[in-house]
Amino acid sequence: MNVFIILAVLFAAIALMVIVVERFAKPVDEQKQAKYSKILPILVFIMLFASLIKAII
């Protein structure tokens, strides 16, 4: 029963977050998008490497 309550609260929180972001978020300009596309793969690699180290230790 607790699992269903947790899932319902999680679903409601995600739905609320999507509604708020769609209503108030500004579109990203091309410069910021290019900057993020350079940084994002590096951050993903660092996160994967950190999780691998955590799993080993």
C-alpha atoms as a PDB file:
ATOM      1  CA  MET A   1       0.000   0.000   0.000  1.00  0.00           C
ATOM      2  CA  ASN A   2       2.851   2.382   0.812  1.00  0.00           C
ATOM      3  CA  VAL A   3       4.306   1.830  -2.647  1.00  0.00           C
ATOM      4  CA  PHE A   4       1.112   3.095  -4.284  1.00  0.00           C
ATOM      5  CA  ILE A   5       1.111   6.205  -2.108  1.00  0.00           C
ATOM      6  CA  ILE A   6       4.737   6.923  -2.966  1.00  0.00           C
ATOM      7  CA  LEU A   7       4.064   6.402  -6.676  1.00  0.00           C
ATOM      8  CA  ALA A   8       1.003   8.668  -6.572  1.00  0.00           C
ATOM      9  CA  VAL A   9       2.929  11.457  -4.827  1.00  0.00           C
ATOM     10  CA  LEU A  10       5.825  11.061  -7.252  1.00  0.00           C
ATOM     11  CA  PHE A  11       3.509  11.177 -10.268  1.00  0.00           C
ATOM     12  CA  ALA A  12       1.753  14.282  -8.923  1.00  0.00           C
ATOM     13  CA  ALA A  13       5.058  16.029  -8.266  1.00  0.00           C
ATOM     14  CA  ILE A  14       6.348  15.269 -11.769  1.00  0.00           C
ATOM     15  CA  ALA A  15       3.081  16.411 -13.357  1.00  0.00           C
ATOM     16  CA  LEU A  16       3.187  19.662 -11.378  1.00  0.00           C
ATOM     17  CA  MET A  17       6.820  20.225 -12.350  1.00  0.00           C
ATOM     18  CA  VAL A  18       6.035  19.697 -16.056  1.00  0.00           C
ATOM     19  CA  ILE A  19       3.112  22.114 -15.940  1.00  0.00           C
ATOM     20  CA  VAL A  20       5.143  24.819 -14.179  1.00  0.00           C
ATOM     21  CA  VAL A  21       8.152  24.431 -16.483  1.00  0.00           C
ATOM     22  CA  GLU A  22       6.019  24.538 -19.633  1.00  0.00           C
ATOM     23  CA  ARG A  23       4.281  27.688 -18.455  1.00  0.00           C
ATOM     24  CA  PHE A  24       7.223  29.731 -17.116  1.00  0.00           C
ATOM     25  CA  ALA A  25      10.376  28.466 -18.877  1.00  0.00           C
ATOM     26  CA  LYS A  26      12.102  30.608 -21.480  1.00  0.00           C
ATOM     27  CA  PRO A  27      13.408  29.098 -24.717  1.00  0.00           C
ATOM     28  CA  VAL A  28      17.165  28.556 -24.809  1.00  0.00           C
ATOM     29  CA  ASP A  29      19.064  30.629 -27.355  1.00  0.00           C
ATOM     30  CA  GLU A  30      21.573  29.058 -29.738  1.00  0.00           C
ATOM     31  CA  GLN A  31      24.676  30.178 -27.823  1.00  0.00           C
ATOM     32  CA  LYS A  32      23.560  28.600 -24.557  1.00  0.00           C
ATOM     33  CA  GLN A  33      22.464  25.451 -26.361  1.00  0.00           C
ATOM     34  CA  ALA A  34      25.882  25.155 -28.032  1.00  0.00           C
ATOM     35  CA  LYS A  35      27.578  25.704 -24.671  1.00  0.00           C
ATOM     36  CA  TYR A  36      25.455  23.023 -22.999  1.00  0.00           C
ATOM     37  CA  SER A  37      26.036  20.570 -25.845  1.00  0.00           C
ATOM     38  CA  LYS A  38      29.783  20.878 -25.262  1.00  0.00           C
ATOM     39  CA  ILE A  39      29.617  20.452 -21.488  1.00  0.00           C
ATOM     40  CA  LEU A  40      26.910  17.784 -21.192  1.00  0.00           C
ATOM     41  CA  PRO A  41      28.831  14.770 -22.596  1.00  0.00           C
ATOM     42  CA  ILE A  42      31.742  15.544 -20.259  1.00  0.00           C
ATOM     43  CA  LEU A  43      29.416  15.649 -17.252  1.00  0.00           C
ATOM     44  CA  VAL A  44      27.736  12.386 -18.279  1.00  0.00           C
ATOM     45  CA  PHE A  45      31.142  10.709 -18.594  1.00  0.00           C
ATOM     46  CA  ILE A  46      32.190  11.981 -15.152  1.00  0.00           C
ATOM     47  CA  MET A  47      28.932  10.718 -13.613  1.00  0.00           C
ATOM     48  CA  LEU A  48      29.323   7.289 -15.227  1.00  0.00           C
ATOM     49  CA  PHE A  49      32.927   7.063 -14.089  1.00  0.00           C
ATOM     50  CA  ALA A  50      31.970   8.085 -10.535  1.00  0.00           C
ATOM     51  CA  SER A  51      29.186   5.491 -10.405  1.00  0.00           C
ATOM     52  CA  LEU A  52      31.598   2.826 -11.684  1.00  0.00           C
ATOM     53  CA  ILE A  53      34.088   3.689  -8.939  1.00  0.00           C
ATOM     54  CA  LYS A  54      31.282   3.649  -6.365  1.00  0.00           C
ATOM     55  CA  ALA A  55      30.133   0.222  -7.554  1.00  0.00           C
ATOM     56  CA  ILE A  56      33.668  -1.177  -7.384  1.00  0.00           C
ATOM     57  CA  ILE A  57      34.422   0.136  -3.894  1.00  0.00           C
END
